[in-house]
């Protein structure tokens, strides 16, 4: 079973939890989709790409990375607790 979050839901949640607009949230999503971001191995690479692409500080990029990880982790936990919720 593949656990996926609707891309639009992810972008909306990312915008809500950060001060990013939709176009910057899409850029963040593109970077995350290019890399396996749950792995600690790619964390530094992803954060570096966020700094460059969004022209933000290292601290802000790290914060965005952690928020993204939290959003996805929460969604995975919700799917595990309620596997048949929101299935169309």
Protein backbone atom coordinates (compact mmCIF):
# COMPACT_ATOMS: atom_id res chain seq x y z
CA UNK A 1 0.00 0.00 0.00
CA UNK A 2 1.42 3.34 -1.02
CA UNK A 3 0.66 6.18 1.36
CA UNK A 4 0.36 9.46 -0.50
CA UNK A 5 -0.82 12.87 0.44
CA UNK A 6 -2.66 14.95 -2.07
CA UNK A 7 -0.19 17.47 -3.48
CA UNK A 8 -2.66 20.34 -3.14
CA UNK A 9 -3.29 19.44 0.52
CA UNK A 10 0.45 19.42 1.16
CA UNK A 11 0.93 22.81 -0.51
CA UNK A 12 -1.99 24.32 1.42
CA UNK A 13 -0.65 23.00 4.72
CA UNK A 14 2.86 24.22 3.92
CA UNK A 15 1.57 27.72 3.12
CA UNK A 16 -0.49 27.71 6.30
CA UNK A 17 2.42 26.68 8.54
CA UNK A 18 4.99 28.95 6.91
CA UNK A 19 4.99 32.40 5.38
CA UNK A 20 5.50 30.99 1.88
CA UNK A 21 3.24 31.91 -0.99
CA UNK A 22 1.94 29.22 -3.34
CA UNK A 23 4.69 29.61 -5.95
CA UNK A 24 7.43 29.22 -3.32
CA UNK A 25 5.60 26.26 -1.80
CA UNK A 26 5.55 24.65 -5.26
CA UNK A 27 9.31 25.23 -5.50
CA UNK A 28 9.78 23.54 -2.12
CA UNK A 29 7.64 20.62 -3.26
CA UNK A 30 9.66 20.28 -6.48
CA UNK A 31 12.89 20.07 -4.47
CA UNK A 32 11.39 17.48 -2.13
CA UNK A 33 10.09 15.39 -5.02
CA UNK A 34 13.57 15.31 -6.58
CA UNK A 35 15.07 13.93 -3.38
CA UNK A 36 14.12 11.29 -0.85
CA UNK A 37 13.69 13.85 1.91
CA UNK A 38 12.79 11.58 4.83
CA UNK A 39 16.36 10.26 4.70
CA UNK A 40 18.93 12.11 6.81
CA UNK A 41 21.39 11.53 3.98
CA UNK A 42 19.75 14.15 1.73
CA UNK A 43 18.84 16.66 4.42
CA UNK A 44 21.84 18.95 3.87
CA UNK A 45 21.44 18.80 0.09
CA UNK A 46 17.75 19.71 0.30
CA UNK A 47 18.37 22.56 2.73
CA UNK A 48 21.11 23.93 0.47
CA UNK A 49 18.77 23.82 -2.52
CA UNK A 50 16.07 25.61 -0.51
CA UNK A 51 18.54 28.37 0.44
CA UNK A 52 19.54 28.89 -3.19
CA UNK A 53 16.14 28.51 -4.86
CA UNK A 54 14.15 30.59 -2.35
CA UNK A 55 16.97 33.00 -1.48
CA UNK A 56 16.49 32.48 2.26
CA UNK A 57 18.74 31.95 5.26
CA UNK A 58 20.02 28.56 6.35
CA UNK A 59 17.90 28.75 9.51
CA UNK A 60 14.72 29.49 7.54
CA UNK A 61 15.48 26.65 5.09
CA UNK A 62 16.02 24.25 8.00
CA UNK A 63 12.72 25.37 9.53
CA UNK A 64 10.88 24.78 6.24
CA UNK A 65 12.51 21.35 5.88
CA UNK A 66 11.40 20.37 9.40
CA UNK A 67 7.86 21.61 8.78
CA UNK A 68 7.65 19.57 5.57
CA UNK A 69 8.90 16.49 7.37
CA UNK A 70 6.34 17.04 10.14
CA UNK A 71 3.45 17.47 7.66
CA UNK A 72 4.31 14.24 5.88
CA UNK A 73 4.94 12.35 9.13
CA UNK A 74 1.58 13.46 10.51
CA UNK A 75 -0.16 12.36 7.33
CA UNK A 76 1.51 8.95 7.49
CA UNK A 77 0.44 8.54 11.12
CA UNK A 78 -3.13 9.52 10.23
CA UNK A 79 -3.18 6.95 7.44
CA UNK A 80 -1.89 4.27 9.79
CA UNK A 81 -4.50 5.09 12.42
CA UNK A 82 -7.37 5.37 9.94
CA UNK A 83 -6.34 3.49 6.79
CA UNK A 84 -9.70 3.76 5.02
CA UNK A 85 -10.50 7.40 5.76
CA UNK A 86 -10.76 9.72 2.73
CA UNK A 87 -10.48 6.98 0.15
CA UNK A 88 -12.57 7.64 -2.94
